[in-house]
C-alpha atoms as a PDB file:
ATOM      1  CA  MET A   1     -18.528  24.117  34.058  1.00  0.00           C
ATOM      2  CA  LYS A   2     -14.771  23.787  34.695  1.00  0.00           C
ATOM      3  CA  LEU A   3     -15.046  20.004  34.691  1.00  0.00           C
ATOM      4  CA  LEU A   4     -16.864  20.059  31.353  1.00  0.00           C
ATOM      5  CA  LEU A   5     -14.244  22.346  29.836  1.00  0.00           C
ATOM      6  CA  ILE A   6     -11.385  20.149  31.054  1.00  0.00           C
ATOM      7  CA  PHE A   7     -13.119  17.068  29.635  1.00  0.00           C
ATOM      8  CA  ALA A   8     -13.627  18.745  26.250  1.00  0.00           C
ATOM      9  CA  ILE A   9      -9.970  19.793  26.013  1.00  0.00           C
ATOM     10  CA  ALA A  10      -8.806  16.305  26.986  1.00  0.00           C
ATOM     11  CA  SER A  11     -11.018  14.741  24.318  1.00  0.00           C
ATOM     12  CA  VAL A  12      -9.647  17.002  21.553  1.00  0.00           C
ATOM     13  CA  SER A  13      -6.048  16.374  22.617  1.00  0.00           C
ATOM     14  CA  TRP A  14      -6.598  12.595  22.557  1.00  0.00           C
ATOM     15  CA  ALA A  15      -7.933  12.773  18.996  1.00  0.00           C
ATOM     16  CA  GLN A  16      -5.073  14.983  17.835  1.00  0.00           C
ATOM     17  CA  ALA A  17      -2.458  12.433  18.852  1.00  0.00           C
ATOM     18  CA  ALA A  18      -4.091   9.472  17.104  1.00  0.00           C
ATOM     19  CA  ILE A  19      -4.261  10.115  13.351  1.00  0.00           C
ATOM     20  CA  THR A  20      -2.161   7.977  11.018  1.00  0.00           C
ATOM     21  CA  ILE A  21      -2.610   7.676   7.236  1.00  0.00           C
ATOM     22  CA  THR A  22      -1.413   4.458   5.591  1.00  0.00           C
ATOM     23  CA  ARG A  23      -1.310   3.808   1.839  1.00  0.00           C
ATOM     24  CA  THR A  24      -1.387   0.376   0.215  1.00  0.00           C
ATOM     25  CA  CYS A  25      -1.293  -0.158  -3.571  1.00  0.00           C
ATOM     26  CA  LEU A  26      -2.259  -3.062  -5.822  1.00  0.00           C
ATOM     27  CA  PRO A  27      -0.824  -4.666  -7.760  1.00  0.00           C
ATOM     28  CA  SER A  28       2.583  -4.456  -6.061  1.00  0.00           C
ATOM     29  CA  VAL A  29       4.140  -5.085  -9.475  1.00  0.00           C
ATOM     30  CA  VAL A  30       2.409  -3.112 -12.224  1.00  0.00           C
ATOM     31  CA  LYS A  31       2.874  -2.969 -15.998  1.00  0.00           C
ATOM     32  CA  PRO A  32       3.267   0.251 -18.026  1.00  0.00           C
ATOM     33  CA  GLY A  33      -0.112   1.511 -19.225  1.00  0.00           C
ATOM     34  CA  ALA A  34      -1.968  -0.373 -16.490  1.00  0.00           C
ATOM     35  CA  THR A  35      -4.034   1.035 -13.625  1.00  0.00           C
ATOM     36  CA  LEU A  36      -2.562   1.208 -10.132  1.00  0.00           C
ATOM     37  CA  THR A  37      -5.137   1.335  -7.325  1.00  0.00           C
ATOM     38  CA  CYS A  38      -4.123   2.731  -3.943  1.00  0.00           C
ATOM     39  CA  THR A  39      -6.126   2.730  -0.706  1.00  0.00           C
ATOM     40  CA  ASP A  40      -5.506   5.426   1.915  1.00  0.00           C
ATOM     41  CA  THR A  41      -6.641   4.410   5.389  1.00  0.00           C
ATOM     42  CA  MET A  42      -6.877   6.372   8.652  1.00  0.00           C
ATOM     43  CA  SER A  43      -6.164   4.604  11.934  1.00  0.00           C
ATOM     44  CA  GLY A  44      -5.429   5.449  15.559  1.00  0.00           C
ATOM     45  CA  GLY A  45      -8.672   4.917  17.442  1.00  0.00           C
ATOM     46  CA  ASN A  46     -10.697   7.776  15.947  1.00  0.00           C
ATOM     47  CA  THR A  47     -14.500   7.514  16.218  1.00  0.00           C
ATOM     48  CA  SER A  48     -17.452   9.519  14.954  1.00  0.00           C
ATOM     49  CA  THR A  49     -17.249  11.561  18.187  1.00  0.00           C
ATOM     50  CA  THR A  50     -13.469  12.010  18.498  1.00  0.00           C
ATOM     51  CA  GLY A  51     -12.124  11.999  14.925  1.00  0.00           C
ATOM     52  CA  PRO A  52     -11.182  14.901  12.653  1.00  0.00           C
ATOM     53  CA  ALA A  53     -13.718  16.996  10.725  1.00  0.00           C
ATOM     54  CA  GLY A  54     -11.426  17.010   7.688  1.00  0.00           C
ATOM     55  CA  VAL A  55      -8.048  15.627   6.615  1.00  0.00           C
ATOM     56  CA  GLN A  56      -5.512  16.239   3.851  1.00  0.00           C
ATOM     57  CA  TRP A  57      -2.330  14.449   2.830  1.00  0.00           C
ATOM     58  CA  GLN A  58      -0.112  14.082  -0.199  1.00  0.00           C
ATOM     59  CA  PHE A  59       1.708  11.221  -1.923  1.00  0.00           C
ATOM     60  CA  THR A  60       3.878  12.600  -4.723  1.00  0.00           C
ATOM     61  CA  PRO A  61       4.866   9.954  -7.312  1.00  0.00           C
ATOM     62  CA  SER A  62       8.489   9.872  -8.456  1.00  0.00           C
ATOM     63  CA  GLN A  63       7.358   9.540 -12.098  1.00  0.00           C
ATOM     64  CA  ALA A  64       4.785  11.773 -13.777  1.00  0.00           C
ATOM     65  CA  MET A  65       1.410  10.040 -13.614  1.00  0.00           C
ATOM     66  CA  GLY A  66      -1.096  12.839 -14.242  1.00  0.00           C
ATOM     67  CA  THR A  67      -3.954  13.734 -11.928  1.00  0.00           C
ATOM     68  CA  PRO A  68      -5.101  10.695  -9.936  1.00  0.00           C
ATOM     69  CA  ALA A  69      -8.771   9.776  -9.797  1.00  0.00           C
ATOM     70  CA  ALA A  70      -9.753   9.855  -6.124  1.00  0.00           C
ATOM     71  CA  THR A  71     -13.054   8.572  -4.755  1.00  0.00           C
ATOM     72  CA  ALA A  72     -14.358   8.587  -1.192  1.00  0.00           C
ATOM     73  CA  GLY A  73     -13.718   5.512   0.936  1.00  0.00           C
ATOM     74  CA  ALA A  74     -16.162   3.960   3.393  1.00  0.00           C
ATOM     75  CA  ALA A  75     -15.064   6.109   6.354  1.00  0.00           C
ATOM     76  CA  ALA A  76     -15.382   9.353   4.379  1.00  0.00           C
ATOM     77  CA  ILE A  77     -18.783   8.337   3.006  1.00  0.00           C
ATOM     78  CA  ALA A  78     -20.062   7.440   6.480  1.00  0.00           C
ATOM     79  CA  ALA A  79     -19.193  10.966   7.648  1.00  0.00           C
ATOM     80  CA  GLY A  80     -20.772  12.596   4.593  1.00  0.00           C
ATOM     81  CA  LYS A  81     -17.417  13.800   3.256  1.00  0.00           C
ATOM     82  CA  SER A  82     -16.204  14.144  -0.329  1.00  0.00           C
ATOM     83  CA  VAL A  83     -12.709  13.650  -1.731  1.00  0.00           C
ATOM     84  CA  SER A  84     -10.762  15.989  -4.027  1.00  0.00           C
ATOM     85  CA  SER A  85      -7.284  15.637  -5.544  1.00  0.00           C
ATOM     86  CA  ASN A  86      -4.784  17.431  -7.782  1.00  0.00           C
ATOM     87  CA  SER A  87      -1.944  16.459 -10.129  1.00  0.00           C
ATOM     88  CA  SER A  88       0.630  16.730  -7.319  1.00  0.00           C
ATOM     89  CA  GLY A  89      -1.055  13.916  -5.405  1.00  0.00           C
ATOM     90  CA  LEU A  90      -2.730  16.085  -2.749  1.00  0.00           C
ATOM     91  CA  ILE A  91      -5.865  14.418  -1.331  1.00  0.00           C
ATOM     92  CA  LEU A  92      -8.455  16.519   0.517  1.00  0.00           C
ATOM     93  CA  VAL A  93     -11.332  15.028   2.553  1.00  0.00           C
ATOM     94  CA  SER A  94     -14.019  17.482   3.681  1.00  0.00           C
ATOM     95  CA  GLY A  95     -17.770  18.037   3.636  1.00  0.00           C
ATOM     96  CA  ILE A  96     -20.511  20.600   4.219  1.00  0.00           C
ATOM     97  CA  ASN A  97     -21.498  19.243   7.640  1.00  0.00           C
ATOM     98  CA  GLN A  98     -20.319  19.032  11.247  1.00  0.00           C
ATOM     99  CA  ASN A  99     -19.608  15.310  11.226  1.00  0.00           C
ATOM    100  CA  LEU A 100     -16.362  13.816  12.496  1.00  0.00           C
ATOM    101  CA  ILE A 101     -14.574  11.006  10.683  1.00  0.00           C
ATOM    102  CA  ALA A 102     -13.982   7.598  12.231  1.00  0.00           C
ATOM    103  CA  ASP A 103     -11.099   5.256  11.381  1.00  0.00           C
ATOM    104  CA  GLY A 104     -11.273   3.431   8.068  1.00  0.00           C
ATOM    105  CA  VAL A 105     -10.677   3.928   4.354  1.00  0.00           C
ATOM    106  CA  LEU A 106     -10.710   7.630   3.519  1.00  0.00           C
ATOM    107  CA  ALA A 107      -9.949   7.457  -0.196  1.00  0.00           C
ATOM    108  CA  VAL A 108      -9.369   5.072  -3.084  1.00  0.00           C
ATOM    109  CA  VAL A 109      -6.902   6.612  -5.527  1.00  0.00           C
ATOM    110  CA  THR A 110      -6.207   5.278  -9.023  1.00  0.00           C
ATOM    111  CA  TYR A 111      -3.303   6.159 -11.298  1.00  0.00           C
ATOM    112  CA  GLN A 112      -2.617   5.424 -14.939  1.00  0.00           C
ATOM    113  CA  VAL A 113       0.952   4.157 -15.100  1.00  0.00           C
ATOM    114  CA  PRO A 114       2.836   5.866 -17.970  1.00  0.00           C
ATOM    115  CA  LEU A 115       3.761   3.751 -20.967  1.00  0.00           C
ATOM    116  CA  SER A 116       7.341   4.908 -20.469  1.00  0.00           C
ATOM    117  CA  ALA A 117       7.521   3.692 -16.863  1.00  0.00           C
ATOM    118  CA  SER A 118      10.197   1.124 -16.143  1.00  0.00           C
ATOM    119  CA  CYS A 119      12.339   0.043 -13.206  1.00  0.00           C
ATOM    120  CA  PRO A 120      15.964  -1.115 -13.558  1.00  0.00           C
ATOM    121  CA  GLY A 121      15.906  -4.843 -12.932  1.00  0.00           C
ATOM    122  CA  ASN A 122      12.177  -4.537 -12.163  1.00  0.00           C
ATOM    123  CA  SER A 123      13.077  -3.349  -8.666  1.00  0.00           C
ATOM    124  CA  PRO A 124      10.628  -1.071  -6.760  1.00  0.00           C
ATOM    125  CA  CYS A 125      11.259   2.371  -8.229  1.00  0.00           C
ATOM    126  CA  LEU A 126       7.833   4.020  -8.552  1.00  0.00           C
ATOM    127  CA  VAL A 127       7.988   5.873  -5.241  1.00  0.00           C
ATOM    128  CA  PHE A 128       5.164   7.747  -3.502  1.00  0.00           C
ATOM    129  CA  ASN A 129       6.701  10.367  -1.225  1.00  0.00           C
ATOM    130  CA  PRO A 130       4.409  11.434   1.675  1.00  0.00           C
ATOM    131  CA  SER A 131       4.015  15.068   2.772  1.00  0.00           C
ATOM    132  CA  ASN A 132       1.589  17.911   3.488  1.00  0.00           C
ATOM    133  CA  ALA A 133      -0.525  16.021   6.039  1.00  0.00           C
ATOM    134  CA  VAL A 134      -2.819  17.789   8.501  1.00  0.00           C
ATOM    135  CA  GLY A 135      -6.241  17.283  10.001  1.00  0.00           C
ATOM    136  CA  SER A 136      -8.820  19.789  11.186  1.00  0.00           C
ATOM    137  CA  THR A 137     -10.977  19.941  14.286  1.00  0.00           C
ATOM    138  CA  ILE A 138     -14.615  20.990  13.996  1.00  0.00           C
ATOM    139  CA  GLY A 139     -13.474  24.476  14.965  1.00  0.00           C
ATOM    140  CA  GLY A 140     -10.807  24.724  12.252  1.00  0.00           C
ATOM    141  CA  GLY A 141      -7.854  23.899  14.511  1.00  0.00           C
ATOM    142  CA  ALA A 142      -4.890  21.879  13.274  1.00  0.00           C
ATOM    143  CA  ILE A 143      -4.505  18.189  14.107  1.00  0.00           C
ATOM    144  CA  ALA A 144      -1.146  16.487  13.616  1.00  0.00           C
ATOM    145  CA  VAL A 145      -1.226  13.626  11.113  1.00  0.00           C
ATOM    146  CA  THR A 146       1.435  10.961  10.680  1.00  0.00           C
ATOM    147  CA  ILE A 147       1.891   9.303   7.279  1.00  0.00           C
ATOM    148  CA  ASN A 148       3.406   5.838   7.158  1.00  0.00           C
ATOM    149  CA  PRO A 149       6.828   5.489   5.476  1.00  0.00           C
ATOM    150  CA  THR A 150       7.421   6.086   1.766  1.00  0.00           C
ATOM    151  CA  LEU A 151       5.785   3.458  -0.462  1.00  0.00           C
ATOM    152  CA  ALA A 152       7.509   2.010  -3.545  1.00  0.00           C
ATOM    153  CA  VAL A 153       5.891  -0.036  -6.320  1.00  0.00           C
ATOM    154  CA  SER A 154       7.727  -2.099  -8.920  1.00  0.00           C
ATOM    155  CA  VAL A 155       7.082  -1.587 -12.640  1.00  0.00           C
ATOM    156  CA  SER A 156       7.537  -4.779 -14.652  1.00  0.00           C
ATOM    157  CA  ASN A 157       8.319  -3.898 -18.256  1.00  0.00           C
ATOM    158  CA  PHE A 158       8.888  -6.993 -20.351  1.00  0.00           C
ATOM    159  CA  CYS A 159      10.224  -4.817 -23.172  1.00  0.00           C
ATOM    160  CA  ASP A 160      13.160  -3.584 -21.081  1.00  0.00           C
ATOM    161  CA  LEU A 161      15.331  -6.520 -22.086  1.00  0.00           C
ATOM    162  CA  ASN A 162      18.567  -5.258 -20.566  1.00  0.00           C
ATOM    163  CA  ALA A 163      16.831  -4.073 -17.357  1.00  0.00           C
ATOM    164  CA  ASP A 164      18.384  -0.600 -17.486  1.00  0.00           C
ATOM    165  CA  GLY A 165      15.118   1.198 -16.741  1.00  0.00           C
ATOM    166  CA  ALA A 166      14.426   2.294 -20.324  1.00  0.00           C
ATOM    167  CA  VAL A 167      13.096   0.742 -23.545  1.00  0.00           C
ATOM    168  CA  ASN A 168      15.104   1.849 -26.564  1.00  0.00           C
ATOM    169  CA  SER A 169      17.207   0.718 -29.520  1.00  0.00           C
ATOM    170  CA  ALA A 170      19.463  -1.338 -27.248  1.00  0.00           C
ATOM    171  CA  ASP A 171      16.529  -3.587 -26.362  1.00  0.00           C
ATOM    172  CA  VAL A 172      15.527  -3.842 -30.031  1.00  0.00           C
ATOM    173  CA  ALA A 173      19.078  -4.934 -30.882  1.00  0.00           C
ATOM    174  CA  ILE A 174      18.916  -7.680 -28.251  1.00  0.00           C
ATOM    175  CA  GLU A 175      15.709  -9.108 -29.714  1.00  0.00           C
ATOM    176  CA  VAL A 176      16.938  -8.841 -33.326  1.00  0.00           C
ATOM    177  CA  THR A 177      20.120 -10.690 -32.377  1.00  0.00           C
ATOM    178  CA  ALA A 178      18.088 -13.426 -30.681  1.00  0.00           C
ATOM    179  CA  VAL A 179      15.973 -13.942 -33.819  1.00  0.00           C
ATOM    180  CA  LEU A 180      18.991 -14.002 -36.133  1.00  0.00           C
ATOM    181  CA  ASN A 181      20.889 -16.428 -33.914  1.00  0.00           C
ATOM    182  CA  GLY A 182      17.906 -18.702 -33.288  1.00  0.00           C
ATOM    183  CA  THR A 183      18.037 -18.019 -29.548  1.00  0.00           C
ATOM    184  CA  ALA A 184      14.802 -18.532 -27.615  1.00  0.00           C
ATOM    185  CA  ALA A 185      13.409 -15.056 -26.854  1.00  0.00           C
ATOM    186  CA  ASP A 186       9.640 -15.393 -27.176  1.00  0.00           C
ATOM    187  CA  ARG A 187       7.852 -12.173 -26.159  1.00  0.00           C
ATOM    188  CA  ASN A 188       4.238 -12.827 -27.215  1.00  0.00           C
ATOM    189  CA  GLY A 189       3.729 -16.248 -25.675  1.00  0.00           C
ATOM    190  CA  ASP A 190       3.472 -18.288 -28.894  1.00  0.00           C
ATOM    191  CA  THR A 191       6.692 -20.248 -28.072  1.00  0.00           C
ATOM    192  CA  LYS A 192       8.361 -18.914 -31.247  1.00  0.00           C
ATOM    193  CA  THR A 193      11.073 -16.282 -31.651  1.00  0.00           C
ATOM    194  CA  ASN A 194      10.589 -14.248 -34.822  1.00  0.00           C
ATOM    195  CA  VAL A 195       9.761 -10.859 -36.283  1.00  0.00           C
ATOM    196  CA  GLN A 196       6.544 -10.653 -34.245  1.00  0.00           C
ATOM    197  CA  ASP A 197       8.596 -10.438 -31.077  1.00  0.00           C
ATOM    198  CA  VAL A 198      10.891  -7.815 -32.601  1.00  0.00           C
ATOM    199  CA  VAL A 199       7.883  -5.675 -33.536  1.00  0.00           C
ATOM    200  CA  LEU A 200       6.650  -5.705 -29.924  1.00  0.00           C
ATOM    201  CA  ILE A 201       9.969  -4.241 -28.770  1.00  0.00           C
ATOM    202  CA  ASP A 202      10.047  -1.806 -31.726  1.00  0.00           C
ATOM    203  CA  VAL A 203       6.672  -0.361 -30.737  1.00  0.00           C
ATOM    204  CA  ALA A 204       7.630   0.042 -27.082  1.00  0.00           C
ATOM    205  CA  ALA A 205      10.955   1.661 -28.003  1.00  0.00           C
ATOM    206  CA  ALA A 206       9.033   4.151 -30.162  1.00  0.00           C
ATOM    207  CA  GLY A 207       6.950   5.209 -27.140  1.00  0.00           C
ATOM    208  CA  GLY A 208       4.030   2.823 -27.505  1.00  0.00           C
ATOM    209  CA  ALA A 209       2.655   0.359 -24.989  1.00  0.00           C
ATOM    210  CA  CYS A 210       4.719  -2.699 -24.147  1.00  0.00           C
ATOM    211  CA  LEU A 211       2.508  -5.611 -25.180  1.00  0.00           C
ATOM    212  CA  ALA A 212       5.114  -8.256 -24.490  1.00  0.00           C
ATOM    213  CA  THR A 213       3.839 -10.892 -22.078  1.00  0.00           C
ATOM    214  CA  LYS A 214       7.107 -12.547 -21.080  1.00  0.00           C
END
């Protein structure tokens, strides 16, 4: 009996030291108004007999992006778990069963990038800050979870002509000047620089989607 108890404790301890959550997002450069798809994966050698019974973690975006749509990944599905999320970026994986979760994709999380999103110089500025990570044993005990370093995604906004991180009257002025001076500043891909290009920047500066393609 003592040997069995020691073995059980050792098995739980091994699982507790092995959980890491890693997020990857595509595309790495996203446009305002587009969909950003992120995959959250658990690694560390967990199996269906040594893994956690449930896991939670949080990636808080640096810009307001609403409540993400989170669906169960292959590893969560295999363990009969469901995925829930809130507007703060908290992801919860759990299920009405006694199954343990093996390594693999726990959740696929999609965000709608705000029309107002922009990065100065198109540098990575849409940051997902990790926090609030913990796993649970089958008995409701805590399991330490490590989240990989902060992830940053670049927002490419072709309407931010001066690359200051905002689309406003200053960008409109740049395009108007280009049209009046005959300077090449095509924004819709038709190889011409005219009022059509100005209108694209006007709309974005007024809070609409940036439809400029270059």
